[in-house]
């Protein structure tokens, strides 16, 4: 590209040369006036050329604005000052377009990341109107991200505590909300953001449930330990202050021993639960024969029952289970022990095992005892939950056995299922996933009894 002065000089020089050529052609002397006249003509030509280029540049710029994304009928000037301006404008415009696209992509990526957040994010403008919300916030506040945009949040969200929280303007602490539209509890906090506000929401239902379970657990442990401690303390005080015969003393010592054993059983079960919650996950490459496991549990049940029940073992296909042998045995032992405790003498207890269509294993302990009412079934695996507290303590139960069973199954990727009917008995099932089952090639006939191994 030529700079403007040299471009003007080129036109003037060309005009002067043209004037001299004309004078020579007419057989006239080349005078200064002819040269000047030619130079003026060249300057005028330059001016007219510049005006034409400017008009073309203006038309091209207008077309570029009106038809930004479509085809262009006019081409940009290619030479001169107008060409230089057009080149610089188009170059800067392309860079600006790239910058806009890049910022748009970054904004879309940022919004998609927020949209995937497990916490709710709600943006309000200066008039407390909804600018944007992610899917979680839409679920928490029952919003439609498209329909409710630019609607006042106080008209859309049906939570009186939230509306009062916004109107007070004190956002130092979060507020806890309950909503009939959202089945749970929300913790909401508001932060100023530009001219508007940023509303953050979090589902704290599980956290509150865990906190309530912790409080219940502490209260239950205190209650369970207080009773035997009170009994033991009372007997010690009685023995220390009142003379009594040897038979009375032996009777009191026997009751103290019973209460002490009860406390020891509670502490042992609590330690077992602590180990299950904090221990390493059961291995996937250590295998235990399922029939041997059930036979050992049946042997334990027969020892506990002392001939008071008919305990039988129903076998299915031969298989092995991957995991911690001691934990699996503890889970089955707890089910068999419960069946022995709560089934009246002369009752029948069946320990069985079957394969699922997917390749897993279900271990079942069935009895014909008194059964359990339906309202108690969902809570049986909670710590210290008892259907009949007095009857449970009478049989030596701690209220932690089924909780231990549930934790063992969770650690092995399985689940506990309880089916019961009043007056007809109960069936407790442990289902292990196919990943923890290895089937042997030689099946055992259904219903065939398997003897407990010699210890």
Protein backbone atom coordinates (compact mmCIF):
# COMPACT_ATOMS: atom_id res chain seq x y z
CA UNK A 1 0.00 0.00 0.00
CA UNK A 2 1.20 3.54 -0.79
CA UNK A 3 1.01 6.27 1.82
CA UNK A 4 -1.39 9.12 1.00
CA UNK A 5 1.26 11.79 0.12
CA UNK A 6 3.14 9.60 -2.32
CA UNK A 7 -0.18 8.49 -3.86
CA UNK A 8 -1.15 12.17 -4.37
CA UNK A 9 2.32 12.92 -5.75
CA UNK A 10 1.93 10.08 -8.22
CA UNK A 11 -1.30 11.60 -9.56
CA UNK A 12 0.24 15.07 -9.79
CA UNK A 13 3.35 13.77 -11.57
CA UNK A 14 1.20 11.82 -13.99
CA UNK A 15 -0.91 14.93 -14.66
CA UNK A 16 2.17 17.10 -15.28
CA UNK A 17 3.61 14.49 -17.63
CA UNK A 18 0.30 14.33 -19.46
CA UNK A 19 0.27 18.16 -19.80
CA UNK A 20 3.81 18.18 -21.17
CA UNK A 21 2.92 15.43 -23.65
CA UNK A 22 -0.09 17.37 -24.86
CA UNK A 23 1.98 20.54 -25.30
CA UNK A 24 4.64 18.67 -27.24
CA UNK A 25 2.01 17.10 -29.43
CA UNK A 26 0.62 20.56 -30.28
CA UNK A 27 4.15 21.79 -31.10
CA UNK A 28 4.06 24.18 -28.16
CA UNK A 29 6.82 24.89 -25.73
CA UNK A 30 6.47 23.07 -22.44
CA UNK A 31 5.81 25.97 -20.12
CA UNK A 32 5.40 26.09 -16.36
CA UNK A 33 1.72 26.85 -16.87
CA UNK A 34 1.23 23.58 -18.77
CA UNK A 35 3.00 21.62 -16.10
CA UNK A 36 0.96 23.29 -13.35
CA UNK A 37 -2.26 22.72 -15.24
CA UNK A 38 -1.39 19.05 -15.64
CA UNK A 39 -0.53 18.74 -11.94
CA UNK A 40 -3.86 20.35 -10.99
CA UNK A 41 -5.68 17.95 -13.26
CA UNK A 42 -3.86 15.03 -11.59
CA UNK A 43 -4.77 16.34 -8.11
CA UNK A 44 -8.41 16.69 -9.18
CA UNK A 45 -8.33 13.13 -10.52
CA UNK A 46 -6.88 11.95 -7.23
CA UNK A 47 -9.67 13.74 -5.36
CA UNK A 48 -12.36 12.22 -7.55
CA UNK A 49 -10.77 8.78 -7.18
CA UNK A 50 -10.63 9.19 -3.40
CA UNK A 51 -14.32 10.17 -3.27
CA UNK A 52 -15.27 7.13 -5.34
CA UNK A 53 -13.24 4.86 -3.08
CA UNK A 54 -14.79 6.46 0.01
CA UNK A 55 -18.29 5.87 -1.36
CA UNK A 56 -17.38 2.28 -2.11
CA UNK A 57 -15.90 1.85 1.40
CA UNK A 58 -19.04 3.31 2.98
CA UNK A 59 -21.32 1.02 0.94
CA UNK A 60 -19.18 -1.98 1.82
CA UNK A 61 -19.21 -1.14 5.55
CA UNK A 62 -22.99 -0.66 5.53
CA UNK A 63 -23.43 -3.97 3.72
CA UNK A 64 -21.15 -5.71 6.27
CA UNK A 65 -23.33 -4.47 9.13
CA UNK A 66 -26.70 -5.23 7.48
CA UNK A 67 -25.64 -8.63 6.07
CA UNK A 68 -23.19 -9.81 8.72
CA UNK A 69 -23.70 -13.53 8.14
CA UNK A 70 -24.88 -13.56 4.51
CA UNK A 71 -23.07 -13.29 1.14
CA UNK A 72 -21.76 -9.84 0.19
CA UNK A 73 -22.52 -8.29 -3.25
CA UNK A 74 -19.83 -5.64 -2.91
CA UNK A 75 -16.15 -6.28 -2.42
CA UNK A 76 -14.01 -4.13 -0.18
CA UNK A 77 -11.67 -1.60 -1.82
CA UNK A 78 -8.32 -3.18 -2.50
CA UNK A 79 -5.96 -0.23 -3.08
CA UNK A 80 -5.28 3.17 -1.66
CA UNK A 81 -6.21 4.59 1.68
CA UNK A 82 -9.71 3.11 1.44
CA UNK A 83 -8.24 -0.30 0.77
CA UNK A 84 -5.99 0.04 3.81
CA UNK A 85 -8.93 1.13 5.99
CA UNK A 86 -11.12 -1.70 4.69
CA UNK A 87 -8.38 -4.23 5.37
CA UNK A 88 -7.86 -3.00 8.93
CA UNK A 89 -11.59 -2.81 9.64
CA UNK A 90 -12.26 -6.31 8.35
CA UNK A 91 -9.29 -7.72 10.23
CA UNK A 92 -10.41 -6.15 13.51
CA UNK A 93 -14.00 -7.17 12.86
CA UNK A 94 -12.97 -10.82 12.32
CA UNK A 95 -10.93 -10.73 15.54
CA UNK A 96 -13.94 -9.24 17.36
CA UNK A 97 -16.21 -11.99 16.01
CA UNK A 98 -13.74 -14.66 17.15
CA UNK A 99 -13.60 -13.05 20.58
CA UNK A 100 -17.41 -12.99 20.82
CA UNK A 101 -17.64 -16.65 19.83
CA UNK A 102 -14.93 -17.58 22.33
CA UNK A 103 -16.66 -15.71 25.14
CA UNK A 104 -19.98 -17.30 24.18
CA UNK A 105 -18.42 -20.76 24.30
CA UNK A 106 -16.86 -20.04 27.67
CA UNK A 107 -20.19 -18.75 29.03
CA UNK A 108 -22.03 -21.82 27.70
CA UNK A 109 -19.40 -24.11 29.29
CA UNK A 110 -19.63 -22.25 32.59
CA UNK A 111 -23.44 -22.40 32.63
CA UNK A 112 -23.45 -26.10 31.73
CA UNK A 113 -21.07 -26.77 34.63
CA UNK A 114 -23.33 -24.87 37.04
CA UNK A 115 -26.36 -26.64 35.58
CA UNK A 116 -24.79 -29.99 36.48
CA UNK A 117 -24.12 -28.92 40.07
CA UNK A 118 -25.90 -30.92 42.80
CA UNK A 119 -26.65 -27.60 44.52
CA UNK A 120 -29.25 -25.12 43.33
CA UNK A 121 -28.13 -21.81 41.78
CA UNK A 122 -30.68 -19.03 41.20
CA UNK A 123 -29.76 -15.58 39.79
CA UNK A 124 -32.02 -12.62 40.60
CA UNK A 125 -31.76 -9.16 39.06
CA UNK A 126 -32.08 -5.83 40.88
CA UNK A 127 -35.90 -6.20 40.92
CA UNK A 128 -35.74 -9.72 42.41
CA UNK A 129 -36.77 -11.20 39.08
CA UNK A 130 -35.46 -14.57 37.95
CA UNK A 131 -32.61 -14.12 35.46
CA UNK A 132 -31.44 -17.74 35.34
CA UNK A 133 -31.53 -20.96 37.36
CA UNK A 134 -30.01 -24.40 37.01
CA UNK A 135 -31.93 -27.69 37.01
CA UNK A 136 -31.37 -28.31 40.71
CA UNK A 137 -32.76 -24.90 41.68
CA UNK A 138 -35.72 -25.49 39.38
CA UNK A 139 -36.39 -28.75 41.28
CA UNK A 140 -35.90 -27.18 44.72
CA UNK A 141 -38.16 -24.17 44.09
CA UNK A 142 -40.58 -25.81 41.59
CA UNK A 143 -39.59 -23.43 38.77
CA UNK A 144 -39.75 -23.58 34.98
CA UNK A 145 -36.42 -22.11 33.73
CA UNK A 146 -38.03 -20.82 30.51
CA UNK A 147 -41.55 -19.86 31.52
CA UNK A 148 -40.59 -18.22 34.83
CA UNK A 149 -37.69 -16.14 33.50
CA UNK A 150 -37.96 -12.44 34.42
CA UNK A 151 -40.84 -13.20 36.78
CA UNK A 152 -40.69 -11.84 40.37
CA UNK A 153 -39.40 -14.66 42.55
CA UNK A 154 -41.79 -13.67 45.35
CA UNK A 155 -44.72 -14.44 43.02
CA UNK A 156 -43.38 -17.82 41.90
CA UNK A 157 -41.80 -19.47 44.96
CA UNK A 158 -44.45 -20.64 47.43
CA UNK A 159 -42.29 -20.67 50.55
CA UNK A 160 -43.29 -18.06 53.16
CA UNK A 161 -40.02 -18.49 55.09
CA UNK A 162 -37.99 -17.82 51.93
CA UNK A 163 -40.00 -14.69 51.07
CA UNK A 164 -39.58 -13.38 54.60
CA UNK A 165 -35.84 -14.14 54.41
CA UNK A 166 -35.53 -12.06 51.22
CA UNK A 167 -37.51 -9.15 52.62
CA UNK A 168 -35.51 -9.00 55.86
CA UNK A 169 -32.26 -8.67 53.90
CA UNK A 170 -30.17 -10.33 56.64
CA UNK A 171 -28.16 -12.91 54.70
CA UNK A 172 -25.37 -13.71 57.16
CA UNK A 173 -26.82 -17.14 58.00
CA UNK A 174 -28.58 -19.76 55.91
CA UNK A 175 -32.28 -20.45 56.35
CA UNK A 176 -33.77 -23.97 56.46
CA UNK A 177 -36.95 -24.45 54.45
CA UNK A 178 -39.56 -27.12 53.92
CA UNK A 179 -41.79 -27.24 50.87
CA UNK A 180 -44.79 -29.34 49.93
CA UNK A 181 -43.53 -29.31 46.32
CA UNK A 182 -40.07 -30.60 47.26
CA UNK A 183 -40.11 -33.69 49.45
CA UNK A 184 -37.24 -32.77 51.72
CA UNK A 185 -35.48 -30.01 53.61
CA UNK A 186 -33.48 -27.20 51.97
CA UNK A 187 -30.70 -24.98 53.30
CA UNK A 188 -30.83 -21.65 51.41
CA UNK A 189 -28.36 -18.78 51.55
CA UNK A 190 -28.39 -15.50 49.59
CA UNK A 191 -25.37 -13.45 48.53
CA UNK A 192 -25.33 -10.04 46.79
CA UNK A 193 -24.17 -10.40 43.19
CA UNK A 194 -23.68 -7.23 41.12
CA UNK A 195 -26.97 -5.36 41.23
CA UNK A 196 -28.90 -8.55 41.97
CA UNK A 197 -28.62 -11.57 44.23
CA UNK A 198 -27.26 -15.09 44.04
CA UNK A 199 -29.48 -17.70 45.75
CA UNK A 200 -27.78 -21.01 46.64
CA UNK A 201 -29.82 -24.01 47.81
CA UNK A 202 -28.74 -27.42 49.11
CA UNK A 203 -30.75 -30.53 49.90
CA UNK A 204 -29.93 -31.32 53.54
CA UNK A 205 -32.55 -34.02 54.03
CA UNK A 206 -30.04 -36.86 54.38
CA UNK A 207 -27.73 -34.78 56.56
CA UNK A 208 -30.56 -33.95 58.95
CA UNK A 209 -31.71 -37.56 58.95
CA UNK A 210 -28.16 -38.70 59.81
CA UNK A 211 -27.95 -36.09 62.55
CA UNK A 212 -31.27 -37.25 63.98
CA UNK A 213 -30.09 -40.86 63.84
CA UNK A 214 -26.92 -39.86 65.70
CA UNK A 215 -28.95 -38.15 68.43
CA UNK A 216 -31.27 -41.14 68.67
CA UNK A 217 -28.29 -43.47 68.81
CA UNK A 218 -26.69 -41.57 71.70
CA UNK A 219 -30.01 -41.47 73.54
CA UNK A 220 -30.60 -45.18 72.96
CA UNK A 221 -27.11 -46.17 74.10
CA UNK A 222 -27.54 -44.07 77.23
CA UNK A 223 -30.91 -45.68 77.91
CA UNK A 224 -29.71 -49.23 77.25
CA UNK A 225 -26.66 -48.83 79.51
CA UNK A 226 -28.48 -46.92 82.25
CA UNK A 227 -30.84 -49.78 83.14
CA UNK A 228 -28.20 -52.48 83.86
CA UNK A 229 -25.93 -49.92 85.55
CA UNK A 230 -28.79 -48.88 87.82
CA UNK A 231 -29.51 -52.52 88.70
CA UNK A 232 -25.87 -53.31 89.42
CA UNK A 233 -25.40 -50.11 91.43
CA UNK A 234 -28.50 -50.86 93.50
CA UNK A 235 -27.41 -54.42 94.26
CA UNK A 236 -23.93 -53.26 95.28
CA UNK A 237 -25.43 -50.69 97.63
CA UNK A 238 -27.77 -53.33 99.06
CA UNK A 239 -24.97 -55.84 99.60
CA UNK A 240 -22.82 -53.19 101.30
CA UNK A 241 -25.46 -51.93 103.70
CA UNK A 242 -27.88 -54.76 104.51
CA UNK A 243 -26.95 -58.11 106.11
CA UNK A 244 -28.44 -61.06 104.24
CA UNK A 245 -28.23 -64.79 103.94
CA UNK A 246 -25.93 -66.57 101.53
CA UNK A 247 -28.81 -67.63 99.29
CA UNK A 248 -30.06 -64.04 98.95
CA UNK A 249 -26.52 -62.85 98.29
CA UNK A 250 -26.02 -65.48 95.58
CA UNK A 251 -29.31 -64.48 93.98
CA UNK A 252 -28.27 -60.84 93.81
CA UNK A 253 -24.85 -61.75 92.46
CA UNK A 254 -26.51 -63.84 89.75
CA UNK A 255 -28.71 -60.91 88.67
CA UNK A 256 -25.67 -58.60 88.69
CA UNK A 257 -23.84 -61.07 86.46
CA UNK A 258 -26.80 -61.12 84.05
CA UNK A 259 -26.84 -57.33 83.80
CA UNK A 260 -23.06 -57.23 83.40
CA UNK A 261 -23.24 -59.74 80.56
CA UNK A 262 -25.92 -57.61 78.93
CA UNK A 263 -23.68 -54.54 79.05
CA UNK A 264 -20.79 -56.57 77.66
CA UNK A 265 -22.98 -57.76 74.78
CA UNK A 266 -24.03 -54.17 73.97
CA UNK A 267 -20.43 -52.97 74.01
CA UNK A 268 -19.32 -55.90 71.82
CA UNK A 269 -22.04 -55.18 69.26
CA UNK A 270 -21.19 -51.47 69.25
CA UNK A 271 -17.53 -52.31 68.62
CA UNK A 272 -18.59 -54.63 65.79
CA UNK A 273 -20.63 -51.82 64.19
CA UNK A 274 -17.69 -49.42 64.54
CA UNK A 275 -15.37 -51.92 62.85
CA UNK A 276 -17.85 -52.45 60.01
CA UNK A 277 -18.25 -48.72 59.41
CA UNK A 278 -14.56 -47.90 59.51
CA UNK A 279 -12.92 -51.07 58.22
CA UNK A 280 -11.52 -51.86 54.77
CA UNK A 281 -13.93 -53.13 52.14
CA UNK A 282 -14.33 -56.93 51.94
CA UNK A 283 -12.02 -58.56 49.37
CA UNK A 284 -13.27 -59.81 46.02
CA UNK A 285 -10.71 -62.60 45.71
CA UNK A 286 -11.21 -64.49 48.99
CA UNK A 287 -13.85 -67.19 48.61
CA UNK A 288 -15.99 -68.97 51.20
CA UNK A 289 -18.06 -72.07 50.54
CA UNK A 290 -21.70 -71.05 50.95
CA UNK A 291 -22.90 -74.45 52.24
CA UNK A 292 -20.14 -74.59 54.84
CA UNK A 293 -21.11 -71.07 55.95
CA UNK A 294 -24.77 -72.04 56.37
CA UNK A 295 -23.87 -75.28 58.11
CA UNK A 296 -21.83 -73.40 60.70
CA UNK A 297 -24.73 -71.01 61.29
CA UNK A 298 -27.11 -73.96 61.69
CA UNK A 299 -24.70 -75.54 64.17
CA UNK A 300 -24.67 -72.30 66.18
CA UNK A 301 -28.47 -72.18 66.12
CA UNK A 302 -28.76 -75.76 67.38
CA UNK A 303 -26.42 -74.94 70.25
CA UNK A 304 -28.43 -71.86 71.18
CA UNK A 305 -31.76 -73.67 70.86
CA UNK A 306 -30.59 -76.68 72.91
CA UNK A 307 -33.08 -78.92 71.15
CA UNK A 308 -36.00 -76.55 71.57
CA UNK A 309 -36.50 -76.04 67.81
CA UNK A 310 -36.42 -78.07 64.63
CA UNK A 311 -33.56 -76.45 62.68
CA UNK A 312 -32.98 -77.74 59.14
CA UNK A 313 -30.67 -76.72 56.31
CA UNK A 314 -32.04 -76.64 52.76
CA UNK A 315 -29.31 -76.48 50.13
CA UNK A 316 -29.29 -75.24 46.56
CA UNK A 317 -26.60 -75.17 43.85
CA UNK A 318 -23.02 -75.35 45.09
CA UNK A 319 -21.38 -71.93 45.09
CA UNK A 320 -18.76 -69.79 46.78
CA UNK A 321 -19.06 -66.25 48.13
CA UNK A 322 -16.39 -63.54 47.85
CA UNK A 323 -15.87 -61.39 50.91
CA UNK A 324 -15.05 -61.47 54.60
CA UNK A 325 -15.96 -64.91 55.97
CA UNK A 326 -16.32 -63.66 59.55
CA UNK A 327 -18.69 -60.87 58.53
CA UNK A 328 -20.89 -63.10 56.39
CA UNK A 329 -21.04 -65.71 59.17
CA UNK A 330 -21.92 -62.98 61.69
CA UNK A 331 -24.82 -61.81 59.50
CA UNK A 332 -26.29 -65.32 59.10
CA UNK A 333 -25.66 -66.12 62.79
CA UNK A 334 -27.62 -63.03 63.82
CA UNK A 335 -30.62 -64.10 61.74
CA UNK A 336 -30.54 -67.66 63.09
CA UNK A 337 -30.09 -66.41 66.69
CA UNK A 338 -33.08 -64.07 66.34
CA UNK A 339 -35.20 -66.91 64.95
CA UNK A 340 -34.24 -69.10 67.91
CA UNK A 341 -34.96 -66.35 70.45
CA UNK A 342 -38.39 -65.32 69.17
CA UNK A 343 -39.78 -68.62 67.84
CA UNK A 344 -41.66 -70.52 70.56
CA UNK A 345 -40.26 -73.92 71.63
CA UNK A 346 -41.15 -76.65 69.18
CA UNK A 347 -41.09 -74.22 66.24
CA UNK A 348 -39.46 -74.86 62.88
CA UNK A 349 -36.48 -72.87 61.53
CA UNK A 350 -35.26 -73.42 57.96
CA UNK A 351 -31.96 -72.06 56.62
CA UNK A 352 -31.98 -72.04 52.82
CA UNK A 353 -30.04 -70.78 49.83
CA UNK A 354 -31.04 -70.23 46.19
CA UNK A 355 -29.64 -68.61 43.06
CA UNK A 356 -31.19 -65.53 41.46
CA UNK A 357 -31.80 -65.34 37.66
CA UNK A 358 -28.98 -62.77 37.41
CA UNK A 359 -26.48 -65.11 39.08
CA UNK A 360 -26.59 -63.79 42.64
CA UNK A 361 -27.32 -65.74 45.82
CA UNK A 362 -30.17 -65.34 48.31
CA UNK A 363 -29.73 -66.77 51.83
CA UNK A 364 -33.02 -67.18 53.68
CA UNK A 365 -33.80 -67.87 57.34
CA UNK A 366 -37.48 -68.77 57.76
CA UNK A 367 -39.42 -69.50 60.95
CA UNK A 368 -43.02 -70.19 61.94
CA UNK A 369 -42.96 -67.86 64.93
CA UNK A 370 -45.45 -65.14 65.90
CA UNK A 371 -44.53 -62.87 62.98
CA UNK A 372 -44.07 -59.08 62.90
CA UNK A 373 -46.65 -56.37 62.21
CA UNK A 374 -46.17 -54.55 58.85
CA UNK A 375 -45.61 -51.12 60.44
CA UNK A 376 -42.45 -52.38 62.14
CA UNK A 377 -40.75 -53.94 59.10
CA UNK A 378 -39.14 -50.78 57.59
CA UNK A 379 -37.41 -49.93 60.89
CA UNK A 380 -36.19 -53.31 62.04
CA UNK A 381 -32.60 -52.69 60.90
CA UNK A 382 -32.31 -49.42 62.87
CA UNK A 383 -30.05 -49.49 65.89
CA UNK A 384 -31.83 -50.42 69.14
CA UNK A 385 -35.21 -50.61 67.41
CA UNK A 386 -37.37 -53.27 69.02
CA UNK A 387 -40.89 -54.44 68.27
CA UNK A 388 -41.34 -55.39 71.94
CA UNK A 389 -38.60 -53.96 74.18
CA UNK A 390 -39.46 -56.03 77.24
CA UNK A 391 -39.60 -59.27 75.28
CA UNK A 392 -36.31 -58.49 73.51
CA UNK A 393 -34.46 -57.88 76.76
CA UNK A 394 -35.99 -61.00 78.26
CA UNK A 395 -34.41 -63.05 75.48
CA UNK A 396 -31.04 -61.33 75.80
CA UNK A 397 -31.19 -59.21 72.65
CA UNK A 398 -29.22 -55.98 72.36
CA UNK A 399 -31.26 -54.40 69.54
CA UNK A 400 -28.16 -54.18 67.33
CA UNK A 401 -28.16 -57.56 65.56
CA UNK A 402 -30.16 -56.58 62.46
CA UNK A 403 -28.23 -53.31 62.21
CA UNK A 404 -25.03 -55.39 62.03
CA UNK A 405 -26.64 -57.57 59.34
CA UNK A 406 -27.55 -54.49 57.28
CA UNK A 407 -24.01 -53.07 57.49
CA UNK A 408 -22.47 -56.39 56.46
CA UNK A 409 -24.72 -56.55 53.40
CA UNK A 410 -23.98 -52.95 52.45
CA UNK A 411 -20.24 -53.63 52.62
CA UNK A 412 -20.70 -56.65 50.33
CA UNK A 413 -22.95 -54.81 47.88
CA UNK A 414 -26.02 -56.76 48.94
CA UNK A 415 -29.29 -56.01 50.67
CA UNK A 416 -31.58 -57.27 53.44
CA UNK A 417 -35.23 -58.14 52.80
CA UNK A 418 -37.78 -58.96 55.50
CA UNK A 419 -41.14 -60.63 54.87
CA UNK A 420 -43.43 -61.39 57.79
CA UNK A 421 -47.07 -62.01 58.64
CA UNK A 422 -48.60 -61.99 62.08
CA UNK A 423 -49.31 -65.49 63.29
CA UNK A 424 -47.54 -67.18 60.36
CA UNK A 425 -43.84 -66.46 60.86
CA UNK A 426 -41.07 -64.48 59.18
CA UNK A 427 -38.51 -64.82 56.40
CA UNK A 428 -35.24 -62.83 56.55
CA UNK A 429 -33.29 -62.79 53.26
CA UNK A 430 -29.71 -61.76 52.44
CA UNK A 431 -29.12 -61.13 48.73
CA UNK A 432 -25.54 -60.98 47.41
CA UNK A 433 -24.77 -59.63 43.91
CA UNK A 434 -23.41 -61.83 41.06
CA UNK A 435 -19.98 -60.16 41.37
CA UNK A 436 -19.52 -61.90 44.74
CA UNK A 437 -20.78 -65.34 43.67
CA UNK A 438 -18.81 -68.14 42.01
CA UNK A 439 -20.90 -71.17 41.12
CA UNK A 440 -19.44 -74.68 41.34
CA UNK A 441 -19.94 -77.22 38.57
CA UNK A 442 -21.56 -79.97 40.70
CA UNK A 443 -25.03 -78.98 41.98
CA UNK A 444 -26.65 -80.43 45.05
CA UNK A 445 -30.29 -81.48 44.79
CA UNK A 446 -32.84 -79.02 46.12
CA UNK A 447 -33.98 -79.95 49.58
CA UNK A 448 -30.95 -82.15 50.31
CA UNK A 449 -29.67 -81.63 53.85
CA UNK A 450 -26.07 -80.65 54.37
CA UNK A 451 -24.43 -81.73 57.62
CA UNK A 452 -22.50 -79.23 59.65
CA UNK A 453 -18.73 -79.77 59.44
CA UNK A 454 -16.95 -81.32 62.36
CA UNK A 455 -15.30 -78.72 64.53
